[in-house]
PDB file of all heavy atoms in Angstrom:
ATOM      1  N   GLU A   1       3.165  31.996 -58.355  1.00  0.00           N
ATOM      2  CA  GLU A   1       4.512  32.470 -58.571  1.00  0.00           C
ATOM      3  C   GLU A   1       5.039  31.864 -59.935  1.00  0.00           C
ATOM      4  O   GLU A   1       4.518  30.848 -60.376  1.00  0.00           O
ATOM      5  CB  GLU A   1       5.421  32.053 -57.522  1.00  0.00           C
ATOM      6  CG  GLU A   1       5.355  30.520 -57.064  1.00  0.00           C
ATOM      7  CD  GLU A   1       5.879  30.208 -55.787  1.00  0.00           C
ATOM      8  OE1 GLU A   1       6.853  30.917 -55.307  1.00  0.00           O
ATOM      9  OE2 GLU A   1       5.511  29.214 -55.131  1.00  0.00           O
ATOM     10  N   PHE A   2       5.921  32.506 -60.629  1.00  0.00           N
ATOM     11  CA  PHE A   2       6.434  32.129 -61.882  1.00  0.00           C
ATOM     12  C   PHE A   2       7.728  31.343 -61.796  1.00  0.00           C
ATOM     13  O   PHE A   2       8.189  30.767 -62.790  1.00  0.00           O
ATOM     14  CB  PHE A   2       6.587  33.319 -62.785  1.00  0.00           C
ATOM     15  CG  PHE A   2       5.291  34.029 -63.112  1.00  0.00           C
ATOM     16  CD1 PHE A   2       5.055  35.316 -62.695  1.00  0.00           C
ATOM     17  CD2 PHE A   2       4.220  33.365 -63.758  1.00  0.00           C
ATOM     18  CE1 PHE A   2       3.893  35.963 -62.968  1.00  0.00           C
ATOM     19  CE2 PHE A   2       3.064  34.062 -64.053  1.00  0.00           C
ATOM     20  CZ  PHE A   2       2.847  35.365 -63.678  1.00  0.00           C
ATOM     21  N   PHE A   3       8.395  31.435 -60.741  1.00  0.00           N
ATOM     22  CA  PHE A   3       9.723  30.748 -60.671  1.00  0.00           C
ATOM     23  C   PHE A   3      10.027  30.494 -59.150  1.00  0.00           C
ATOM     24  O   PHE A   3       9.363  30.825 -58.282  1.00  0.00           O
ATOM     25  CB  PHE A   3      10.840  31.713 -61.134  1.00  0.00           C
ATOM     26  CG  PHE A   3      10.829  33.081 -60.559  1.00  0.00           C
ATOM     27  CD1 PHE A   3      11.365  33.321 -59.433  1.00  0.00           C
ATOM     28  CD2 PHE A   3      10.098  34.124 -61.297  1.00  0.00           C
ATOM     29  CE1 PHE A   3      11.359  34.719 -58.844  1.00  0.00           C
ATOM     30  CE2 PHE A   3      10.066  35.350 -60.744  1.00  0.00           C
ATOM     31  CZ  PHE A   3      10.671  35.679 -59.488  1.00  0.00           C
ATOM     32  N   THR A   4      11.076  29.581 -58.965  1.00  0.00           N
ATOM     33  CA  THR A   4      11.402  29.103 -57.736  1.00  0.00           C
ATOM     34  C   THR A   4      12.712  29.828 -57.296  1.00  0.00           C
ATOM     35  O   THR A   4      13.447  30.375 -58.080  1.00  0.00           O
ATOM     36  CB  THR A   4      11.593  27.605 -57.636  1.00  0.00           C
ATOM     37  OG1 THR A   4      12.821  27.249 -58.381  1.00  0.00           O
ATOM     38  CG2 THR A   4      10.413  26.867 -58.218  1.00  0.00           C
ATOM     39  N   ALA A   5      13.046  29.684 -55.968  1.00  0.00           N
ATOM     40  CA  ALA A   5      14.202  30.366 -55.480  1.00  0.00           C
ATOM     41  C   ALA A   5      15.459  29.746 -56.101  1.00  0.00           C
ATOM     42  O   ALA A   5      16.584  30.382 -56.057  1.00  0.00           O
ATOM     43  CB  ALA A   5      14.238  30.276 -53.925  1.00  0.00           C
ATOM     44  N   GLN A   6      15.317  28.507 -56.432  1.00  0.00           N
ATOM     45  CA  GLN A   6      16.567  27.786 -57.011  1.00  0.00           C
ATOM     46  C   GLN A   6      16.807  28.077 -58.520  1.00  0.00           C
ATOM     47  O   GLN A   6      17.867  27.645 -58.981  1.00  0.00           O
ATOM     48  CB  GLN A   6      16.377  26.294 -56.808  1.00  0.00           C
ATOM     49  CG  GLN A   6      16.386  25.854 -55.375  1.00  0.00           C
ATOM     50  CD  GLN A   6      15.091  26.114 -54.614  1.00  0.00           C
ATOM     51  OE1 GLN A   6      14.015  26.083 -55.225  1.00  0.00           O
ATOM     52  NE2 GLN A   6      15.157  26.580 -53.392  1.00  0.00           N
ATOM     53  N   GLU A   7      15.953  28.725 -59.173  1.00  0.00           N
ATOM     54  CA  GLU A   7      16.004  28.859 -60.644  1.00  0.00           C
ATOM     55  C   GLU A   7      16.851  30.129 -60.984  1.00  0.00           C
ATOM     56  O   GLU A   7      16.677  31.289 -60.349  1.00  0.00           O
ATOM     57  CB  GLU A   7      14.623  28.851 -61.304  1.00  0.00           C
ATOM     58  CG  GLU A   7      13.994  27.543 -61.196  1.00  0.00           C
ATOM     59  CD  GLU A   7      12.561  27.515 -61.820  1.00  0.00           C
ATOM     60  OE1 GLU A   7      11.862  28.458 -61.587  1.00  0.00           O
ATOM     61  OE2 GLU A   7      12.247  26.550 -62.453  1.00  0.00           O
ATOM     62  N   GLU A   8      17.671  30.044 -61.993  1.00  0.00           N
ATOM     63  CA  GLU A   8      18.419  31.192 -62.427  1.00  0.00           C
ATOM     64  C   GLU A   8      17.514  32.042 -63.356  1.00  0.00           C
ATOM     65  O   GLU A   8      16.927  31.471 -64.289  1.00  0.00           O
ATOM     66  CB  GLU A   8      19.710  30.669 -63.206  1.00  0.00           C
ATOM     67  CG  GLU A   8      20.583  31.834 -63.783  1.00  0.00           C
ATOM     68  CD  GLU A   8      21.687  31.246 -64.723  1.00  0.00           C
ATOM     69  OE1 GLU A   8      21.925  30.083 -64.689  1.00  0.00           O
ATOM     70  OE2 GLU A   8      22.125  32.094 -65.517  1.00  0.00           O
ATOM     71  N   LEU A   9      17.592  33.316 -63.172  1.00  0.00           N
ATOM     72  CA  LEU A   9      16.712  34.246 -63.892  1.00  0.00           C
ATOM     73  C   LEU A   9      17.480  35.263 -64.693  1.00  0.00           C
ATOM     74  O   LEU A   9      18.545  35.676 -64.446  1.00  0.00           O
ATOM     75  CB  LEU A   9      15.771  34.994 -62.903  1.00  0.00           C
ATOM     76  CG  LEU A   9      14.894  34.229 -62.029  1.00  0.00           C
ATOM     77  CD1 LEU A   9      14.089  35.109 -61.123  1.00  0.00           C
ATOM     78  CD2 LEU A   9      14.003  33.247 -62.739  1.00  0.00           C
ATOM     79  N   ASP A  10      16.855  35.638 -65.861  1.00  0.00           N
ATOM     80  CA  ASP A  10      17.256  36.776 -66.649  1.00  0.00           C
ATOM     81  C   ASP A  10      16.116  37.712 -66.658  1.00  0.00           C
ATOM     82  O   ASP A  10      15.115  37.557 -67.305  1.00  0.00           O
ATOM     83  CB  ASP A  10      17.608  36.257 -68.087  1.00  0.00           C
ATOM     84  CG  ASP A  10      17.917  37.472 -69.085  1.00  0.00           C
ATOM     85  OD1 ASP A  10      17.914  38.601 -68.640  1.00  0.00           O
ATOM     86  OD2 ASP A  10      18.081  37.215 -70.230  1.00  0.00           O
ATOM     87  N   MET A  11      16.387  38.865 -65.969  1.00  0.00           N
ATOM     88  CA  MET A  11      15.336  39.868 -65.845  1.00  0.00           C
ATOM     89  C   MET A  11      15.678  41.160 -66.606  1.00  0.00           C
ATOM     90  O   MET A  11      15.069  42.171 -66.550  1.00  0.00           O
ATOM     91  CB  MET A  11      15.064  40.199 -64.420  1.00  0.00           C
ATOM     92  CG  MET A  11      14.673  39.081 -63.474  1.00  0.00           C
ATOM     93  SD  MET A  11      13.017  38.355 -63.956  1.00  0.00           S
ATOM     94  CE  MET A  11      12.046  39.452 -63.011  1.00  0.00           C
ATOM     95  N   ASN A  12      16.666  40.975 -67.538  1.00  0.00           N
ATOM     96  CA  ASN A  12      17.221  42.301 -68.159  1.00  0.00           C
ATOM     97  C   ASN A  12      17.023  42.205 -69.702  1.00  0.00           C
ATOM     98  O   ASN A  12      16.961  43.311 -70.286  1.00  0.00           O
ATOM     99  CB  ASN A  12      18.721  42.376 -67.940  1.00  0.00           C
ATOM    100  CG  ASN A  12      18.902  42.555 -66.454  1.00  0.00           C
ATOM    101  OD1 ASN A  12      18.336  43.252 -65.774  1.00  0.00           O
ATOM    102  ND2 ASN A  12      20.083  41.834 -65.893  1.00  0.00           N
ATOM    103  N   THR A  13      16.883  41.076 -70.317  1.00  0.00           N
ATOM    104  CA  THR A  13      16.814  41.078 -71.811  1.00  0.00           C
ATOM    105  C   THR A  13      15.603  41.758 -72.314  1.00  0.00           C
ATOM    106  O   THR A  13      15.670  42.470 -73.300  1.00  0.00           O
ATOM    107  CB  THR A  13      16.816  39.619 -72.251  1.00  0.00           C
ATOM    108  OG1 THR A  13      18.086  39.042 -71.967  1.00  0.00           O
ATOM    109  CG2 THR A  13      16.738  39.573 -73.841  1.00  0.00           C
ATOM    110  N   PHE A  14      14.508  41.530 -71.712  1.00  0.00           N
ATOM    111  CA  PHE A  14      13.183  42.146 -72.135  1.00  0.00           C
ATOM    112  C   PHE A  14      12.669  43.136 -71.065  1.00  0.00           C
ATOM    113  O   PHE A  14      12.942  43.010 -69.881  1.00  0.00           O
ATOM    114  CB  PHE A  14      12.110  41.127 -72.461  1.00  0.00           C
ATOM    115  CG  PHE A  14      12.575  40.200 -73.576  1.00  0.00           C
ATOM    116  CD1 PHE A  14      13.094  38.938 -73.303  1.00  0.00           C
ATOM    117  CD2 PHE A  14      12.491  40.547 -74.911  1.00  0.00           C
ATOM    118  CE1 PHE A  14      13.424  38.071 -74.397  1.00  0.00           C
ATOM    119  CE2 PHE A  14      12.828  39.747 -75.940  1.00  0.00           C
ATOM    120  CZ  PHE A  14      13.328  38.468 -75.679  1.00  0.00           C
ATOM    121  N   SER A  15      11.773  44.014 -71.551  1.00  0.00           N
ATOM    122  CA  SER A  15      11.181  45.004 -70.585  1.00  0.00           C
ATOM    123  C   SER A  15      10.204  44.426 -69.635  1.00  0.00           C
ATOM    124  O   SER A  15      10.158  44.650 -68.467  1.00  0.00           O
ATOM    125  CB  SER A  15      10.518  46.152 -71.415  1.00  0.00           C
ATOM    126  OG  SER A  15       9.845  46.981 -70.529  1.00  0.00           O
ATOM    127  N   SER A  16       9.355  43.522 -70.240  1.00  0.00           N
ATOM    128  CA  SER A  16       8.199  42.976 -69.423  1.00  0.00           C
ATOM    129  C   SER A  16       8.180  41.496 -69.411  1.00  0.00           C
ATOM    130  O   SER A  16       7.219  40.890 -68.892  1.00  0.00           O
ATOM    131  CB  SER A  16       6.853  43.484 -70.047  1.00  0.00           C
ATOM    132  OG  SER A  16       6.754  44.909 -69.957  1.00  0.00           O
ATOM    133  N   ILE A  17       9.153  40.832 -69.886  1.00  0.00           N
ATOM    134  CA  ILE A  17       9.335  39.401 -69.854  1.00  0.00           C
ATOM    135  C   ILE A  17      10.508  38.939 -69.194  1.00  0.00           C
ATOM    136  O   ILE A  17      11.673  39.392 -69.354  1.00  0.00           O
ATOM    137  CB  ILE A  17       9.374  38.859 -71.363  1.00  0.00           C
ATOM    138  CG1 ILE A  17       8.175  39.245 -72.122  1.00  0.00           C
ATOM    139  CG2 ILE A  17       9.495  37.333 -71.265  1.00  0.00           C
ATOM    140  CD1 ILE A  17       8.203  38.947 -73.555  1.00  0.00           C
ATOM    141  N   GLY A  18      10.374  38.072 -68.177  1.00  0.00           N
ATOM    142  CA  GLY A  18      11.492  37.399 -67.454  1.00  0.00           C
ATOM    143  C   GLY A  18      11.697  36.048 -68.046  1.00  0.00           C
ATOM    144  O   GLY A  18      10.852  35.496 -68.797  1.00  0.00           O
ATOM    145  N   ILE A  19      12.957  35.540 -67.841  1.00  0.00           N
ATOM    146  CA  ILE A  19      13.342  34.224 -68.422  1.00  0.00           C
ATOM    147  C   ILE A  19      13.958  33.384 -67.300  1.00  0.00           C
ATOM    148  O   ILE A  19      14.818  33.815 -66.657  1.00  0.00           O
ATOM    149  CB  ILE A  19      14.344  34.500 -69.496  1.00  0.00           C
ATOM    150  CG1 ILE A  19      13.771  35.402 -70.544  1.00  0.00           C
ATOM    151  CG2 ILE A  19      14.645  33.048 -70.190  1.00  0.00           C
ATOM    152  CD1 ILE A  19      14.888  35.781 -71.615  1.00  0.00           C
ATOM    153  N   VAL A  20      13.427  32.174 -67.136  1.00  0.00           N
ATOM    154  CA  VAL A  20      14.110  31.073 -66.298  1.00  0.00           C
ATOM    155  C   VAL A  20      15.133  30.525 -67.275  1.00  0.00           C
ATOM    156  O   VAL A  20      14.894  30.011 -68.279  1.00  0.00           O
ATOM    157  CB  VAL A  20      13.100  30.143 -65.834  1.00  0.00           C
ATOM    158  CG1 VAL A  20      13.834  28.988 -65.074  1.00  0.00           C
ATOM    159  CG2 VAL A  20      12.054  30.750 -64.970  1.00  0.00           C
ATOM    160  N   LYS A  21      16.409  30.388 -66.796  1.00  0.00           N
ATOM    161  CA  LYS A  21      17.533  29.939 -67.569  1.00  0.00           C
ATOM    162  C   LYS A  21      18.015  28.635 -67.133  1.00  0.00           C
ATOM    163  O   LYS A  21      19.188  28.281 -67.164  1.00  0.00           O
ATOM    164  CB  LYS A  21      18.709  30.958 -67.441  1.00  0.00           C
ATOM    165  CG  LYS A  21      18.336  32.377 -67.852  1.00  0.00           C
ATOM    166  CD  LYS A  21      18.090  32.494 -69.401  1.00  0.00           C
ATOM    167  CE  LYS A  21      19.269  32.177 -70.260  1.00  0.00           C
ATOM    168  NZ  LYS A  21      18.973  32.378 -71.726  1.00  0.00           N
ATOM    169  N   ASN A  22      17.087  27.671 -66.764  1.00  0.00           N
ATOM    170  CA  ASN A  22      17.427  26.373 -66.310  1.00  0.00           C
ATOM    171  C   ASN A  22      18.096  25.542 -67.441  1.00  0.00           C
ATOM    172  O   ASN A  22      17.683  25.612 -68.587  1.00  0.00           O
ATOM    173  CB  ASN A  22      16.230  25.628 -65.857  1.00  0.00           C
ATOM    174  CG  ASN A  22      15.867  26.078 -64.413  1.00  0.00           C
ATOM    175  OD1 ASN A  22      16.554  26.743 -63.785  1.00  0.00           O
ATOM    176  ND2 ASN A  22      14.583  25.801 -64.045  1.00  0.00           N
ATOM    177  N   LYS A  23      19.079  24.804 -67.109  1.00  0.00           N
ATOM    178  CA  LYS A  23      19.750  23.836 -68.046  1.00  0.00           C
ATOM    179  C   LYS A  23      19.764  22.441 -67.421  1.00  0.00           C
ATOM    180  O   LYS A  23      20.236  22.214 -66.360  1.00  0.00           O
ATOM    181  CB  LYS A  23      21.175  24.329 -68.271  1.00  0.00           C
ATOM    182  CG  LYS A  23      21.316  25.722 -68.867  1.00  0.00           C
ATOM    183  CD  LYS A  23      20.685  25.824 -70.279  1.00  0.00           C
ATOM    184  CE  LYS A  23      20.945  27.223 -70.900  1.00  0.00           C
ATOM    185  NZ  LYS A  23      20.415  27.306 -72.220  1.00  0.00           N
ATOM    186  N   ASN A  24      19.138  21.601 -68.231  1.00  0.00           N
ATOM    187  CA  ASN A  24      19.253  20.124 -67.872  1.00  0.00           C
ATOM    188  C   ASN A  24      18.896  19.729 -66.439  1.00  0.00           C
ATOM    189  O   ASN A  24      19.682  18.960 -65.790  1.00  0.00           O
ATOM    190  CB  ASN A  24      20.703  19.642 -68.180  1.00  0.00           C
ATOM    191  CG  ASN A  24      21.066  19.837 -69.627  1.00  0.00           C
ATOM    192  OD1 ASN A  24      20.258  19.703 -70.485  1.00  0.00           O
ATOM    193  ND2 ASN A  24      22.254  20.305 -69.854  1.00  0.00           N
ATOM    194  N   PHE A  25      17.789  20.230 -65.982  1.00  0.00           N
ATOM    195  CA  PHE A  25      17.376  19.853 -64.527  1.00  0.00           C
ATOM    196  C   PHE A  25      16.516  18.636 -64.667  1.00  0.00           C
ATOM    197  O   PHE A  25      15.367  18.619 -64.413  1.00  0.00           O
ATOM    198  CB  PHE A  25      16.697  20.993 -63.885  1.00  0.00           C
ATOM    199  CG  PHE A  25      15.402  21.313 -64.390  1.00  0.00           C
ATOM    200  CD1 PHE A  25      14.207  21.022 -63.707  1.00  0.00           C
ATOM    201  CD2 PHE A  25      15.217  22.108 -65.582  1.00  0.00           C
ATOM    202  CE1 PHE A  25      12.902  21.389 -64.282  1.00  0.00           C
ATOM    203  CE2 PHE A  25      13.986  22.488 -66.094  1.00  0.00           C
ATOM    204  CZ  PHE A  25      12.892  22.125 -65.476  1.00  0.00           C
ATOM    205  N   PHE A  26      17.183  17.538 -64.960  1.00  0.00           N
ATOM    206  CA  PHE A  26      16.401  16.270 -65.033  1.00  0.00           C
ATOM    207  C   PHE A  26      17.401  15.061 -64.857  1.00  0.00           C
ATOM    208  O   PHE A  26      18.635  15.228 -64.952  1.00  0.00           O
ATOM    209  CB  PHE A  26      15.712  16.044 -66.333  1.00  0.00           C
ATOM    210  CG  PHE A  26      16.696  15.915 -67.578  1.00  0.00           C
ATOM    211  CD1 PHE A  26      17.180  14.691 -67.919  1.00  0.00           C
ATOM    212  CD2 PHE A  26      17.026  17.050 -68.255  1.00  0.00           C
ATOM    213  CE1 PHE A  26      17.958  14.567 -69.000  1.00  0.00           C
ATOM    214  CE2 PHE A  26      17.878  16.856 -69.368  1.00  0.00           C
ATOM    215  CZ  PHE A  26      18.404  15.682 -69.653  1.00  0.00           C
ATOM    216  N   ASN A  27      16.813  13.942 -64.466  1.00  0.00           N
ATOM    217  CA  ASN A  27      17.630  12.772 -64.238  1.00  0.00           C
ATOM    218  C   ASN A  27      17.052  11.712 -65.266  1.00  0.00           C
ATOM    219  O   ASN A  27      15.958  11.293 -65.170  1.00  0.00           O
ATOM    220  CB  ASN A  27      17.521  12.262 -62.913  1.00  0.00           C
ATOM    221  CG  ASN A  27      18.421  11.036 -62.536  1.00  0.00           C
ATOM    222  OD1 ASN A  27      18.249   9.996 -63.229  1.00  0.00           O
ATOM    223  ND2 ASN A  27      19.225  11.087 -61.555  1.00  0.00           N
ATOM    224  N   GLU A  28      17.889  11.224 -66.220  1.00  0.00           N
ATOM    225  CA  GLU A  28      17.488  10.458 -67.243  1.00  0.00           C
ATOM    226  C   GLU A  28      16.871   9.154 -66.734  1.00  0.00           C
ATOM    227  O   GLU A  28      15.762   8.718 -67.118  1.00  0.00           O
ATOM    228  CB  GLU A  28      18.624  10.065 -68.222  1.00  0.00           C
ATOM    229  CG  GLU A  28      18.248   9.173 -69.412  1.00  0.00           C
ATOM    230  CD  GLU A  28      17.474   9.845 -70.484  1.00  0.00           C
ATOM    231  OE1 GLU A  28      17.738  11.048 -70.730  1.00  0.00           O
ATOM    232  OE2 GLU A  28      16.502   9.229 -71.005  1.00  0.00           O
ATOM    233  N   ASP A  29      17.529   8.545 -65.729  1.00  0.00           N
ATOM    234  CA  ASP A  29      17.044   7.255 -65.188  1.00  0.00           C
ATOM    235  C   ASP A  29      15.634   7.450 -64.508  1.00  0.00           C
ATOM    236  O   ASP A  29      14.857   6.624 -64.578  1.00  0.00           O
ATOM    237  CB  ASP A  29      18.025   6.721 -64.257  1.00  0.00           C
ATOM    238  CG  ASP A  29      19.353   6.296 -64.834  1.00  0.00           C
ATOM    239  OD1 ASP A  29      19.257   6.041 -66.096  1.00  0.00           O
ATOM    240  OD2 ASP A  29      20.383   6.185 -64.204  1.00  0.00           O
ATOM    241  N   VAL A  30      15.571   8.542 -63.773  1.00  0.00           N
ATOM    242  CA  VAL A  30      14.268   8.754 -63.056  1.00  0.00           C
ATOM    243  C   VAL A  30      13.090   8.986 -64.088  1.00  0.00           C
ATOM    244  O   VAL A  30      12.039   8.572 -63.857  1.00  0.00           O
ATOM    245  CB  VAL A  30      14.487  10.043 -62.209  1.00  0.00           C
ATOM    246  CG1 VAL A  30      13.105  10.450 -61.554  1.00  0.00           C
ATOM    247  CG2 VAL A  30      15.413   9.703 -61.080  1.00  0.00           C
ATOM    248  N   LEU A  31      13.395   9.706 -65.192  1.00  0.00           N
ATOM    249  CA  LEU A  31      12.372   9.989 -66.163  1.00  0.00           C
ATOM    250  C   LEU A  31      11.956   8.571 -66.777  1.00  0.00           C
ATOM    251  O   LEU A  31      10.718   8.399 -67.005  1.00  0.00           O
ATOM    252  CB  LEU A  31      12.864  10.911 -67.272  1.00  0.00           C
ATOM    253  CG  LEU A  31      13.116  12.362 -66.817  1.00  0.00           C
ATOM    254  CD1 LEU A  31      13.495  13.229 -68.026  1.00  0.00           C
ATOM    255  CD2 LEU A  31      11.933  12.953 -66.077  1.00  0.00           C
ATOM    256  N   GLU A  32      12.915   7.797 -67.177  1.00  0.00           N
ATOM    257  CA  GLU A  32      12.601   6.513 -67.757  1.00  0.00           C
ATOM    258  C   GLU A  32      11.792   5.546 -66.843  1.00  0.00           C
ATOM    259  O   GLU A  32      10.877   4.916 -67.206  1.00  0.00           O
ATOM    260  CB  GLU A  32      13.880   5.780 -68.242  1.00  0.00           C
ATOM    261  CG  GLU A  32      14.555   6.452 -69.397  1.00  0.00           C
ATOM    262  CD  GLU A  32      15.853   5.759 -69.805  1.00  0.00           C
ATOM    263  OE1 GLU A  32      16.149   4.801 -69.207  1.00  0.00           O
ATOM    264  OE2 GLU A  32      16.414   6.200 -70.838  1.00  0.00           O
ATOM    265  N   LYS A  33      12.236   5.612 -65.569  1.00  0.00           N
ATOM    266  CA  LYS A  33      11.494   4.841 -64.579  1.00  0.00           C
ATOM    267  C   LYS A  33      10.056   5.340 -64.352  1.00  0.00           C
ATOM    268  O   LYS A  33       9.100   4.527 -64.329  1.00  0.00           O
ATOM    269  CB  LYS A  33      12.238   4.932 -63.202  1.00  0.00           C
ATOM    270  CG  LYS A  33      11.596   3.980 -62.130  1.00  0.00           C
ATOM    271  CD  LYS A  33      11.806   2.523 -62.449  1.00  0.00           C
ATOM    272  CE  LYS A  33      11.389   1.597 -61.363  1.00  0.00           C
ATOM    273  NZ  LYS A  33      11.481   0.182 -61.604  1.00  0.00           N
ATOM    274  N   PHE A  34       9.843   6.612 -64.352  1.00  0.00           N
ATOM    275  CA  PHE A  34       8.508   7.230 -64.318  1.00  0.00           C
ATOM    276  C   PHE A  34       7.589   6.820 -65.410  1.00  0.00           C
ATOM    277  O   PHE A  34       6.473   6.305 -65.186  1.00  0.00           O
ATOM    278  CB  PHE A  34       8.592   8.753 -64.252  1.00  0.00           C
ATOM    279  CG  PHE A  34       7.256   9.434 -64.323  1.00  0.00           C
ATOM    280  CD1 PHE A  34       6.528   9.671 -63.185  1.00  0.00           C
ATOM    281  CD2 PHE A  34       6.792   9.900 -65.533  1.00  0.00           C
ATOM    282  CE1 PHE A  34       5.307  10.307 -63.190  1.00  0.00           C
ATOM    283  CE2 PHE A  34       5.565  10.559 -65.539  1.00  0.00           C
ATOM    284  CZ  PHE A  34       4.778  10.747 -64.460  1.00  0.00           C
ATOM    285  N   GLU A  35       8.169   6.875 -66.698  1.00  0.00           N
ATOM    286  CA  GLU A  35       7.419   6.456 -67.832  1.00  0.00           C
ATOM    287  C   GLU A  35       7.038   4.965 -67.760  1.00  0.00           C
ATOM    288  O   GLU A  35       5.913   4.613 -68.113  1.00  0.00           O
ATOM    289  CB  GLU A  35       8.216   6.798 -69.116  1.00  0.00           C
ATOM    290  CG  GLU A  35       7.396   6.601 -70.302  1.00  0.00           C
ATOM    291  CD  GLU A  35       8.158   7.093 -71.582  1.00  0.00           C
ATOM    292  OE1 GLU A  35       9.336   7.472 -71.435  1.00  0.00           O
ATOM    293  OE2 GLU A  35       7.572   7.179 -72.659  1.00  0.00           O
ATOM    294  N   SER A  36       7.991   4.131 -67.371  1.00  0.00           N
ATOM    295  CA  SER A  36       7.837   2.701 -67.292  1.00  0.00           C
ATOM    296  C   SER A  36       6.696   2.379 -66.277  1.00  0.00           C
ATOM    297  O   SER A  36       5.766   1.569 -66.537  1.00  0.00           O
ATOM    298  CB  SER A  36       9.127   2.082 -66.932  1.00  0.00           C
ATOM    299  OG  SER A  36       8.899   0.641 -66.651  1.00  0.00           O
ATOM    300  N   ASN A  37       6.750   3.032 -65.047  1.00  0.00           N
ATOM    301  CA  ASN A  37       5.788   2.759 -64.007  1.00  0.00           C
ATOM    302  C   ASN A  37       4.413   3.095 -64.366  1.00  0.00           C
ATOM    303  O   ASN A  37       3.408   2.487 -64.214  1.00  0.00           O
ATOM    304  CB  ASN A  37       6.232   3.436 -62.699  1.00  0.00           C
ATOM    305  CG  ASN A  37       7.460   2.941 -62.111  1.00  0.00           C
ATOM    306  OD1 ASN A  37       7.845   1.683 -62.413  1.00  0.00           O
ATOM    307  ND2 ASN A  37       8.041   3.613 -61.121  1.00  0.00           N
ATOM    308  N   ILE A  38       4.236   4.369 -65.084  1.00  0.00           N
ATOM    309  CA  ILE A  38       2.964   4.732 -65.546  1.00  0.00           C
ATOM    310  C   ILE A  38       2.438   3.825 -66.624  1.00  0.00           C
ATOM    311  O   ILE A  38       1.231   3.507 -66.559  1.00  0.00           O
ATOM    312  CB  ILE A  38       2.974   6.190 -66.032  1.00  0.00           C
ATOM    313  CG1 ILE A  38       3.384   7.238 -64.924  1.00  0.00           C
ATOM    314  CG2 ILE A  38       1.704   6.620 -66.645  1.00  0.00           C
ATOM    315  CD1 ILE A  38       2.430   7.249 -63.767  1.00  0.00           C
ATOM    316  N   ASN A  39       3.212   3.433 -67.527  1.00  0.00           N
ATOM    317  CA  ASN A  39       2.842   2.522 -68.509  1.00  0.00           C
ATOM    318  C   ASN A  39       2.356   1.129 -67.965  1.00  0.00           C
ATOM    319  O   ASN A  39       1.421   0.459 -68.435  1.00  0.00           O
ATOM    320  CB  ASN A  39       3.893   2.261 -69.669  1.00  0.00           C
ATOM    321  CG  ASN A  39       4.047   3.494 -70.571  1.00  0.00           C
ATOM    322  OD1 ASN A  39       3.018   4.231 -70.726  1.00  0.00           O
ATOM    323  ND2 ASN A  39       5.184   3.673 -71.010  1.00  0.00           N
ATOM    324  N   LYS A  40       3.001   0.711 -66.924  1.00  0.00           N
ATOM    325  CA  LYS A  40       2.590  -0.554 -66.271  1.00  0.00           C
ATOM    326  C   LYS A  40       1.207  -0.418 -65.607  1.00  0.00           C
ATOM    327  O   LYS A  40       0.410  -1.280 -65.776  1.00  0.00           O
ATOM    328  CB  LYS A  40       3.618  -0.966 -65.237  1.00  0.00           C
ATOM    329  CG  LYS A  40       4.922  -1.480 -65.702  1.00  0.00           C
ATOM    330  CD  LYS A  40       5.871  -1.814 -64.641  1.00  0.00           C
ATOM    331  CE  LYS A  40       7.246  -2.332 -65.123  1.00  0.00           C
ATOM    332  NZ  LYS A  40       8.219  -2.523 -64.054  1.00  0.00           N
ATOM    333  N   LEU A  41       0.983   0.733 -65.005  1.00  0.00           N
ATOM    334  CA  LEU A  41      -0.421   0.967 -64.453  1.00  0.00           C
ATOM    335  C   LEU A  41      -1.421   0.960 -65.549  1.00  0.00           C
ATOM    336  O   LEU A  41      -2.520   0.346 -65.284  1.00  0.00           O
ATOM    337  CB  LEU A  41      -0.346   2.317 -63.746  1.00  0.00           C
ATOM    338  CG  LEU A  41       0.406   2.404 -62.384  1.00  0.00           C
ATOM    339  CD1 LEU A  41       0.430   3.868 -61.921  1.00  0.00           C
ATOM    340  CD2 LEU A  41      -0.053   1.492 -61.357  1.00  0.00           C
TER     341      LEU A  41
END
């Protein structure tokens, strides 16, 4: 599958191309913690 049920889609701009229109689906603190933990390993 190319997208999830939670993602906003644009299926009209192009004939054969769909677009996921997600904005800022991240948590800065979680990303930094992930990077820190992996670097420690």
